[in-house]
Amino acid sequence: GDLTYVLLRQLRRYIMDVESHTLRILYGINTQSMGSWKFEYPELACKDVILYGAGGAGVPLYRFLTETCNCKVVAWLDREPEGKDMECLHSIESADKIINYKYDYIVIGVEGENLAKSIKQDICTKYNVDTDKVIWRKPEHTSVFACI
């Protein structure tokens, strides 16, 4: 009955989690970046932007910025860029490269608000960036596994 379906859903979810882990470890494919993402950054149109964050939200945000937003991504930075080039299929530079670029905004590409606040504070403090130039908005994200 109902218990059978519950157990089957749990098994399916477990299998997807294992496969997701395998894809990440063996092939550098981050399934967190898959699914449906919605971003709202109308102020970035025709602006030079640094994308900060190459984790699960970074890849779909990069796609949004380059394909939909009509802005120019002058750099994609991350606190720990090692190995993220292959994961993102794009050159990812260290956060300290912020000082090498001319930009209008730095957009933080993470899903969680607390992490975004921490990153913003870090950027503004370490690199003397005006807080108005560092922006983050919570994206709408529906996981590729949401139906499981």
N, C-alpha and C. Protein backbone atom coordinates (compact mmCIF):
# COMPACT_ATOMS: atom_id res chain seq x y z
N GLY A 1 0.80 -1.18 0.00
CA GLY A 1 0.00 0.00 0.00
C GLY A 1 0.85 1.26 0.00
N ASP A 2 0.45 2.20 0.82
CA ASP A 2 1.13 3.50 0.89
C ASP A 2 2.57 3.36 1.36
N LEU A 3 2.82 2.43 2.27
CA LEU A 3 4.17 2.23 2.78
C LEU A 3 5.12 1.80 1.66
N THR A 4 4.63 0.99 0.74
CA THR A 4 5.45 0.55 -0.39
C THR A 4 5.92 1.75 -1.20
N TYR A 5 5.01 2.70 -1.47
CA TYR A 5 5.37 3.87 -2.26
C TYR A 5 6.34 4.77 -1.51
N VAL A 6 6.15 4.88 -0.21
CA VAL A 6 7.08 5.68 0.61
C VAL A 6 8.48 5.08 0.53
N LEU A 7 8.55 3.77 0.70
CA LEU A 7 9.85 3.09 0.65
C LEU A 7 10.49 3.19 -0.73
N LEU A 8 9.69 3.07 -1.77
CA LEU A 8 10.22 3.20 -3.13
C LEU A 8 10.74 4.61 -3.40
N ARG A 9 10.02 5.62 -2.90
CA ARG A 9 10.49 7.01 -3.06
C ARG A 9 11.81 7.21 -2.31
N GLN A 10 11.90 6.65 -1.11
CA GLN A 10 13.14 6.76 -0.34
C GLN A 10 14.29 6.06 -1.05
N LEU A 11 14.02 4.89 -1.61
CA LEU A 11 15.05 4.16 -2.34
C LEU A 11 15.48 4.95 -3.58
N ARG A 12 14.52 5.48 -4.30
CA ARG A 12 14.83 6.27 -5.50
C ARG A 12 15.69 7.48 -5.13
N ARG A 13 15.32 8.14 -4.05
CA ARG A 13 16.09 9.31 -3.60
C ARG A 13 17.51 8.91 -3.20
N TYR A 14 17.64 7.79 -2.50
CA TYR A 14 18.95 7.30 -2.10
C TYR A 14 19.82 7.01 -3.32
N ILE A 15 19.24 6.36 -4.31
CA ILE A 15 19.98 6.04 -5.53
C ILE A 15 20.42 7.33 -6.23
N MET A 16 19.54 8.31 -6.29
CA MET A 16 19.89 9.58 -6.93
C MET A 16 21.00 10.29 -6.16
N ASP A 17 20.96 10.23 -4.84
CA ASP A 17 22.02 10.84 -4.03
C ASP A 17 23.36 10.17 -4.29
N VAL A 18 23.35 8.84 -4.37
CA VAL A 18 24.59 8.10 -4.64
C VAL A 18 25.11 8.45 -6.04
N GLU A 19 24.23 8.47 -7.01
CA GLU A 19 24.64 8.80 -8.38
C GLU A 19 25.14 10.24 -8.46
N SER A 20 24.48 11.13 -7.75
CA SER A 20 24.89 12.53 -7.73
C SER A 20 26.31 12.65 -7.18
N HIS A 21 26.57 11.94 -6.11
CA HIS A 21 27.90 11.93 -5.50
C HIS A 21 28.93 11.37 -6.49
N THR A 22 28.57 10.29 -7.15
CA THR A 22 29.47 9.67 -8.13
C THR A 22 29.78 10.64 -9.28
N LEU A 23 28.77 11.31 -9.79
CA LEU A 23 28.98 12.28 -10.87
C LEU A 23 29.94 13.38 -10.44
N ARG A 24 29.79 13.83 -9.21
CA ARG A 24 30.65 14.91 -8.71
C ARG A 24 32.09 14.43 -8.53
N ILE A 25 32.26 13.28 -7.91
CA ILE A 25 33.61 12.78 -7.61
C ILE A 25 34.34 12.35 -8.88
N LEU A 26 33.70 11.58 -9.73
CA LEU A 26 34.38 11.03 -10.90
C LEU A 26 34.49 12.01 -12.06
N TYR A 27 33.45 12.83 -12.26
CA TYR A 27 33.41 13.64 -13.46
C TYR A 27 33.34 15.14 -13.21
N GLY A 28 33.29 15.55 -11.95
CA GLY A 28 33.21 16.97 -11.64
C GLY A 28 31.89 17.60 -12.00
N ILE A 29 30.84 16.80 -12.08
CA ILE A 29 29.51 17.32 -12.44
C ILE A 29 28.74 17.59 -11.15
N ASN A 30 28.38 18.85 -10.96
CA ASN A 30 27.66 19.24 -9.76
C ASN A 30 26.16 19.27 -10.06
N THR A 31 25.44 18.29 -9.55
CA THR A 31 24.01 18.22 -9.84
C THR A 31 23.22 19.31 -9.13
N GLN A 32 23.83 19.98 -8.15
CA GLN A 32 23.13 21.09 -7.48
C GLN A 32 22.83 22.21 -8.47
N SER A 33 23.71 22.39 -9.45
CA SER A 33 23.50 23.47 -10.41
C SER A 33 22.41 23.13 -11.43
N MET A 34 21.99 21.88 -11.44
CA MET A 34 20.92 21.47 -12.36
C MET A 34 19.56 21.83 -11.76
N GLY A 35 18.55 21.62 -12.51
CA GLY A 35 17.22 21.96 -12.05
C GLY A 35 16.81 23.31 -12.62
N SER A 36 15.85 23.91 -11.99
CA SER A 36 15.32 25.19 -12.46
C SER A 36 15.80 26.31 -11.55
N TRP A 37 16.38 27.35 -12.13
CA TRP A 37 16.87 28.50 -11.38
C TRP A 37 16.24 29.77 -11.94
N LYS A 38 15.89 30.68 -11.05
CA LYS A 38 15.37 31.97 -11.49
C LYS A 38 16.09 33.07 -10.70
N PHE A 39 16.65 34.02 -11.44
CA PHE A 39 17.38 35.13 -10.84
C PHE A 39 16.74 36.44 -11.27
N GLU A 40 16.86 37.46 -10.43
CA GLU A 40 16.33 38.79 -10.75
C GLU A 40 17.42 39.84 -10.50
N TYR A 41 18.00 40.34 -11.57
CA TYR A 41 19.01 41.39 -11.46
C TYR A 41 18.85 42.40 -12.60
N PRO A 42 17.75 43.13 -12.65
CA PRO A 42 17.53 44.06 -13.76
C PRO A 42 18.57 45.18 -13.84
N GLU A 43 19.16 45.54 -12.70
CA GLU A 43 20.12 46.64 -12.68
C GLU A 43 21.45 46.29 -13.35
N LEU A 44 21.64 45.03 -13.71
CA LEU A 44 22.91 44.61 -14.30
C LEU A 44 22.97 44.75 -15.82
N ALA A 45 21.86 45.09 -16.44
CA ALA A 45 21.84 45.23 -17.91
C ALA A 45 22.89 46.25 -18.35
N CYS A 46 23.69 45.84 -19.32
CA CYS A 46 24.74 46.69 -19.91
C CYS A 46 25.82 47.09 -18.90
N LYS A 47 26.02 46.31 -17.87
CA LYS A 47 27.04 46.60 -16.85
C LYS A 47 28.16 45.57 -16.92
N ASP A 48 29.32 45.96 -16.39
CA ASP A 48 30.44 45.04 -16.22
C ASP A 48 30.33 44.42 -14.84
N VAL A 49 30.36 43.10 -14.80
CA VAL A 49 30.05 42.37 -13.58
C VAL A 49 31.14 41.34 -13.27
N ILE A 50 31.45 41.22 -11.99
CA ILE A 50 32.26 40.10 -11.51
C ILE A 50 31.30 39.13 -10.85
N LEU A 51 31.38 37.87 -11.24
CA LEU A 51 30.60 36.83 -10.58
C LEU A 51 31.49 36.20 -9.52
N TYR A 52 31.00 36.19 -8.29
CA TYR A 52 31.76 35.60 -7.19
C TYR A 52 31.02 34.37 -6.70
N GLY A 53 31.65 33.22 -6.85
CA GLY A 53 31.05 31.97 -6.40
C GLY A 53 30.94 30.98 -7.54
N ALA A 54 31.62 29.85 -7.39
CA ALA A 54 31.63 28.84 -8.44
C ALA A 54 31.08 27.51 -7.93
N GLY A 55 30.15 27.60 -6.99
CA GLY A 55 29.51 26.40 -6.48
C GLY A 55 28.23 26.10 -7.25
N GLY A 56 27.29 25.48 -6.57
CA GLY A 56 26.06 25.04 -7.22
C GLY A 56 25.23 26.14 -7.85
N ALA A 57 25.19 27.31 -7.24
CA ALA A 57 24.40 28.42 -7.80
C ALA A 57 25.20 29.24 -8.81
N GLY A 58 26.51 29.10 -8.80
CA GLY A 58 27.36 29.91 -9.68
C GLY A 58 27.17 29.61 -11.15
N VAL A 59 27.07 28.34 -11.50
CA VAL A 59 26.94 27.96 -12.92
C VAL A 59 25.63 28.48 -13.52
N PRO A 60 24.49 28.23 -12.89
CA PRO A 60 23.26 28.78 -13.48
C PRO A 60 23.22 30.31 -13.46
N LEU A 61 23.84 30.92 -12.45
CA LEU A 61 23.88 32.39 -12.43
C LEU A 61 24.76 32.90 -13.57
N TYR A 62 25.86 32.23 -13.84
CA TYR A 62 26.70 32.62 -14.98
C TYR A 62 25.90 32.55 -16.29
N ARG A 63 25.16 31.45 -16.45
CA ARG A 63 24.32 31.31 -17.66
C ARG A 63 23.31 32.45 -17.74
N PHE A 64 22.68 32.77 -16.63
CA PHE A 64 21.71 33.86 -16.61
C PHE A 64 22.38 35.18 -17.00
N LEU A 65 23.51 35.46 -16.39
CA LEU A 65 24.19 36.74 -16.64
C LEU A 65 24.62 36.86 -18.10
N THR A 66 25.12 35.79 -18.68
CA THR A 66 25.64 35.86 -20.04
C THR A 66 24.58 35.69 -21.12
N GLU A 67 23.52 34.96 -20.82
CA GLU A 67 22.52 34.66 -21.85
C GLU A 67 21.25 35.51 -21.75
N THR A 68 20.91 35.96 -20.56
CA THR A 68 19.63 36.63 -20.35
C THR A 68 19.77 38.07 -19.90
N CYS A 69 20.74 38.33 -19.08
CA CYS A 69 20.83 39.61 -18.38
C CYS A 69 21.42 40.75 -19.21
N ASN A 70 22.09 40.42 -20.31
CA ASN A 70 22.70 41.44 -21.16
C ASN A 70 23.76 42.26 -20.42
N CYS A 71 24.56 41.57 -19.62
CA CYS A 71 25.69 42.24 -18.97
C CYS A 71 26.97 41.52 -19.39
N LYS A 72 28.09 42.12 -19.05
CA LYS A 72 29.39 41.52 -19.40
C LYS A 72 30.04 40.99 -18.12
N VAL A 73 30.27 39.69 -18.08
CA VAL A 73 30.98 39.09 -16.95
C VAL A 73 32.47 39.25 -17.22
N VAL A 74 33.10 40.16 -16.49
CA VAL A 74 34.52 40.45 -16.72
C VAL A 74 35.42 39.45 -15.99
N ALA A 75 34.89 38.80 -14.96
CA ALA A 75 35.66 37.79 -14.23
C ALA A 75 34.72 36.91 -13.43
N TRP A 76 35.17 35.68 -13.22
CA TRP A 76 34.44 34.74 -12.37
C TRP A 76 35.42 34.31 -11.29
N LEU A 77 35.12 34.67 -10.06
CA LEU A 77 36.04 34.46 -8.95
C LEU A 77 35.44 33.54 -7.89
N ASP A 78 36.33 32.93 -7.11
CA ASP A 78 35.89 32.09 -6.01
C ASP A 78 36.98 32.08 -4.94
N ARG A 79 36.57 31.91 -3.70
CA ARG A 79 37.53 31.87 -2.60
C ARG A 79 38.49 30.69 -2.75
N GLU A 80 37.97 29.57 -3.24
CA GLU A 80 38.79 28.37 -3.46
C GLU A 80 38.59 27.89 -4.90
N PRO A 81 39.29 28.49 -5.85
CA PRO A 81 39.04 28.19 -7.27
C PRO A 81 39.62 26.87 -7.77
N GLU A 82 40.49 26.25 -7.00
CA GLU A 82 41.16 25.04 -7.45
C GLU A 82 40.15 23.96 -7.85
N GLY A 83 40.28 23.47 -9.07
CA GLY A 83 39.43 22.40 -9.57
C GLY A 83 38.07 22.84 -10.07
N LYS A 84 37.72 24.08 -9.86
CA LYS A 84 36.38 24.53 -10.26
C LYS A 84 36.31 24.85 -11.75
N ASP A 85 37.46 25.05 -12.40
CA ASP A 85 37.46 25.30 -13.85
C ASP A 85 36.76 24.17 -14.59
N MET A 86 37.12 22.94 -14.24
CA MET A 86 36.54 21.78 -14.92
C MET A 86 35.07 21.60 -14.54
N GLU A 87 34.75 21.91 -13.31
CA GLU A 87 33.37 21.78 -12.85
C GLU A 87 32.47 22.78 -13.56
N CYS A 88 32.97 24.00 -13.74
CA CYS A 88 32.17 25.08 -14.34
C CYS A 88 32.39 25.22 -15.84
N LEU A 89 33.43 24.56 -16.35
CA LEU A 89 33.82 24.68 -17.75
C LEU A 89 34.07 26.14 -18.12
N HIS A 90 34.77 26.80 -17.23
CA HIS A 90 35.10 28.21 -17.39
C HIS A 90 36.29 28.51 -16.49
N SER A 91 37.08 29.48 -16.85
CA SER A 91 38.21 29.87 -16.01
C SER A 91 37.71 30.54 -14.73
N ILE A 92 38.10 29.99 -13.60
CA ILE A 92 37.72 30.55 -12.30
C ILE A 92 39.01 31.04 -11.63
N GLU A 93 38.99 32.29 -11.21
CA GLU A 93 40.18 32.88 -10.59
C GLU A 93 39.97 33.05 -9.09
N SER A 94 41.07 33.25 -8.41
CA SER A 94 41.06 33.47 -6.97
C SER A 94 40.41 34.81 -6.64
N ALA A 95 39.75 34.86 -5.50
CA ALA A 95 39.03 36.07 -5.07
C ALA A 95 39.93 37.30 -5.00
N ASP A 96 41.19 37.10 -4.69
CA ASP A 96 42.08 38.26 -4.56
C ASP A 96 42.35 38.97 -5.89
N LYS A 97 41.86 38.41 -6.98
CA LYS A 97 42.01 39.04 -8.29
C LYS A 97 41.00 40.18 -8.49
N ILE A 98 40.12 40.38 -7.53
CA ILE A 98 39.13 41.47 -7.62
C ILE A 98 39.82 42.79 -7.95
N ILE A 99 40.96 43.00 -7.34
CA ILE A 99 41.67 44.28 -7.52
C ILE A 99 42.17 44.50 -8.94
N ASN A 100 42.20 43.46 -9.75
CA ASN A 100 42.70 43.56 -11.13
C ASN A 100 41.64 43.97 -12.14
N TYR A 101 40.39 44.09 -11.71
CA TYR A 101 39.30 44.29 -12.66
C TYR A 101 38.56 45.60 -12.43
N LYS A 102 38.07 46.13 -13.54
CA LYS A 102 37.16 47.28 -13.50
C LYS A 102 35.75 46.69 -13.65
N TYR A 103 34.85 47.09 -12.77
CA TYR A 103 33.51 46.50 -12.77
C TYR A 103 32.51 47.49 -12.18
N ASP A 104 31.25 47.25 -12.50
CA ASP A 104 30.17 48.04 -11.92
C ASP A 104 29.61 47.36 -10.67
N TYR A 105 29.52 46.03 -10.74
CA TYR A 105 28.97 45.26 -9.62
C TYR A 105 29.71 43.94 -9.45
N ILE A 106 29.66 43.44 -8.23
CA ILE A 106 30.07 42.07 -7.94
C ILE A 106 28.79 41.35 -7.53
N VAL A 107 28.47 40.28 -8.24
CA VAL A 107 27.27 39.50 -7.94
C VAL A 107 27.70 38.22 -7.24
N ILE A 108 27.10 37.96 -6.10
CA ILE A 108 27.45 36.77 -5.32
C ILE A 108 26.55 35.62 -5.77
N GLY A 109 27.19 34.56 -6.24
CA GLY A 109 26.48 33.40 -6.77
C GLY A 109 26.41 32.25 -5.78
N VAL A 110 25.64 32.44 -4.72
CA VAL A 110 25.39 31.37 -3.76
C VAL A 110 23.90 31.35 -3.46
N GLU A 111 23.44 30.24 -2.92
CA GLU A 111 22.01 30.11 -2.65
C GLU A 111 21.63 30.60 -1.26
N GLY A 112 22.50 30.40 -0.28
CA GLY A 112 22.15 30.71 1.11
C GLY A 112 22.44 32.15 1.51
N GLU A 113 21.50 32.73 2.24
CA GLU A 113 21.62 34.13 2.65
C GLU A 113 22.78 34.36 3.62
N ASN A 114 22.95 33.48 4.59
CA ASN A 114 24.03 33.67 5.57
C ASN A 114 25.40 33.61 4.89
N LEU A 115 25.56 32.68 3.98
CA LEU A 115 26.82 32.59 3.25
C LEU A 115 27.03 33.84 2.40
N ALA A 116 25.99 34.31 1.75
CA ALA A 116 26.08 35.51 0.93
C ALA A 116 26.50 36.72 1.77
N LYS A 117 25.91 36.86 2.95
CA LYS A 117 26.27 37.98 3.83
C LYS A 117 27.73 37.89 4.25
N SER A 118 28.17 36.69 4.57
CA SER A 118 29.56 36.48 4.97
C SER A 118 30.53 36.82 3.83
N ILE A 119 30.19 36.39 2.63
CA ILE A 119 31.02 36.68 1.46
C ILE A 119 31.06 38.18 1.20
N LYS A 120 29.91 38.82 1.28
CA LYS A 120 29.85 40.27 1.04
C LYS A 120 30.72 41.02 2.04
N GLN A 121 30.61 40.66 3.30
CA GLN A 121 31.43 41.31 4.32
C GLN A 121 32.92 41.08 4.05
N ASP A 122 33.25 39.87 3.67
CA ASP A 122 34.63 39.51 3.37
C ASP A 122 35.16 40.35 2.20
N ILE A 123 34.39 40.44 1.13
CA ILE A 123 34.80 41.20 -0.06
C ILE A 123 34.98 42.68 0.29
N CYS A 124 34.00 43.23 0.98
CA CYS A 124 34.05 44.66 1.29
C CYS A 124 35.20 45.00 2.23
N THR A 125 35.47 44.12 3.17
CA THR A 125 36.54 44.36 4.14
C THR A 125 37.92 44.13 3.53
N LYS A 126 38.12 42.97 2.94
CA LYS A 126 39.45 42.61 2.41
C LYS A 126 39.89 43.46 1.23
N TYR A 127 38.94 43.81 0.37
CA TYR A 127 39.30 44.46 -0.89
C TYR A 127 38.78 45.89 -1.00
N ASN A 128 38.29 46.41 0.13
CA ASN A 128 37.83 47.80 0.20
C ASN A 128 36.81 48.13 -0.90
N VAL A 129 35.83 47.26 -1.04
CA VAL A 129 34.78 47.42 -2.05
C VAL A 129 33.56 48.07 -1.39
N ASP A 130 32.99 49.04 -2.06
CA ASP A 130 31.77 49.71 -1.59
C ASP A 130 30.64 48.68 -1.48
N THR A 131 29.93 48.68 -0.37
CA THR A 131 28.87 47.69 -0.14
C THR A 131 27.77 47.76 -1.20
N ASP A 132 27.56 48.93 -1.78
CA ASP A 132 26.53 49.07 -2.82
C ASP A 132 26.90 48.37 -4.12
N LYS A 133 28.17 48.05 -4.27
CA LYS A 133 28.63 47.38 -5.50
C LYS A 133 28.55 45.86 -5.40
N VAL A 134 28.29 45.34 -4.21
CA VAL A 134 28.23 43.89 -4.01
C VAL A 134 26.77 43.51 -3.78
N ILE A 135 26.22 42.71 -4.68
CA ILE A 135 24.79 42.40 -4.58
C ILE A 135 24.53 40.89 -4.57
N TRP A 136 23.45 40.55 -3.91
CA TRP A 136 22.98 39.17 -3.85
C TRP A 136 21.48 39.19 -3.64
N ARG A 137 20.81 38.34 -4.34
CA ARG A 137 19.38 38.10 -4.11
C ARG A 137 19.16 36.60 -4.10
N LYS A 138 18.28 36.18 -3.24
CA LYS A 138 18.00 34.75 -3.14
C LYS A 138 17.37 34.26 -4.44
N PRO A 139 18.01 33.28 -5.06
CA PRO A 139 17.42 32.74 -6.29
C PRO A 139 16.28 31.77 -5.97
N GLU A 140 15.40 31.61 -6.92
CA GLU A 140 14.39 30.55 -6.81
C GLU A 140 15.02 29.32 -7.43
N HIS A 141 15.05 28.24 -6.67
CA HIS A 141 15.69 27.02 -7.16
C HIS A 141 14.80 25.82 -6.90
N THR A 142 14.55 25.08 -7.96
CA THR A 142 13.85 23.80 -7.84
C THR A 142 14.84 22.73 -8.25
N SER A 143 15.17 21.87 -7.32
CA SER A 143 16.16 20.82 -7.56
C SER A 143 15.71 19.88 -8.67
N VAL A 144 16.69 19.35 -9.36
CA VAL A 144 16.42 18.34 -10.38
C VAL A 144 15.78 17.10 -9.74
N PHE A 145 15.97 16.94 -8.44
CA PHE A 145 15.41 15.80 -7.72
C PHE A 145 14.11 16.12 -7.01
N ALA A 146 13.54 17.28 -7.26
CA ALA A 146 12.35 17.73 -6.53
C ALA A 146 11.16 16.78 -6.66
N CYS A 147 11.07 16.10 -7.78
CA CYS A 147 9.91 15.23 -7.99
C CYS A 147 10.08 13.85 -7.36
N ILE A 148 11.22 13.63 -6.73
CA ILE A 148 11.48 12.30 -6.15
C ILE A 148 11.03 12.27 -4.71
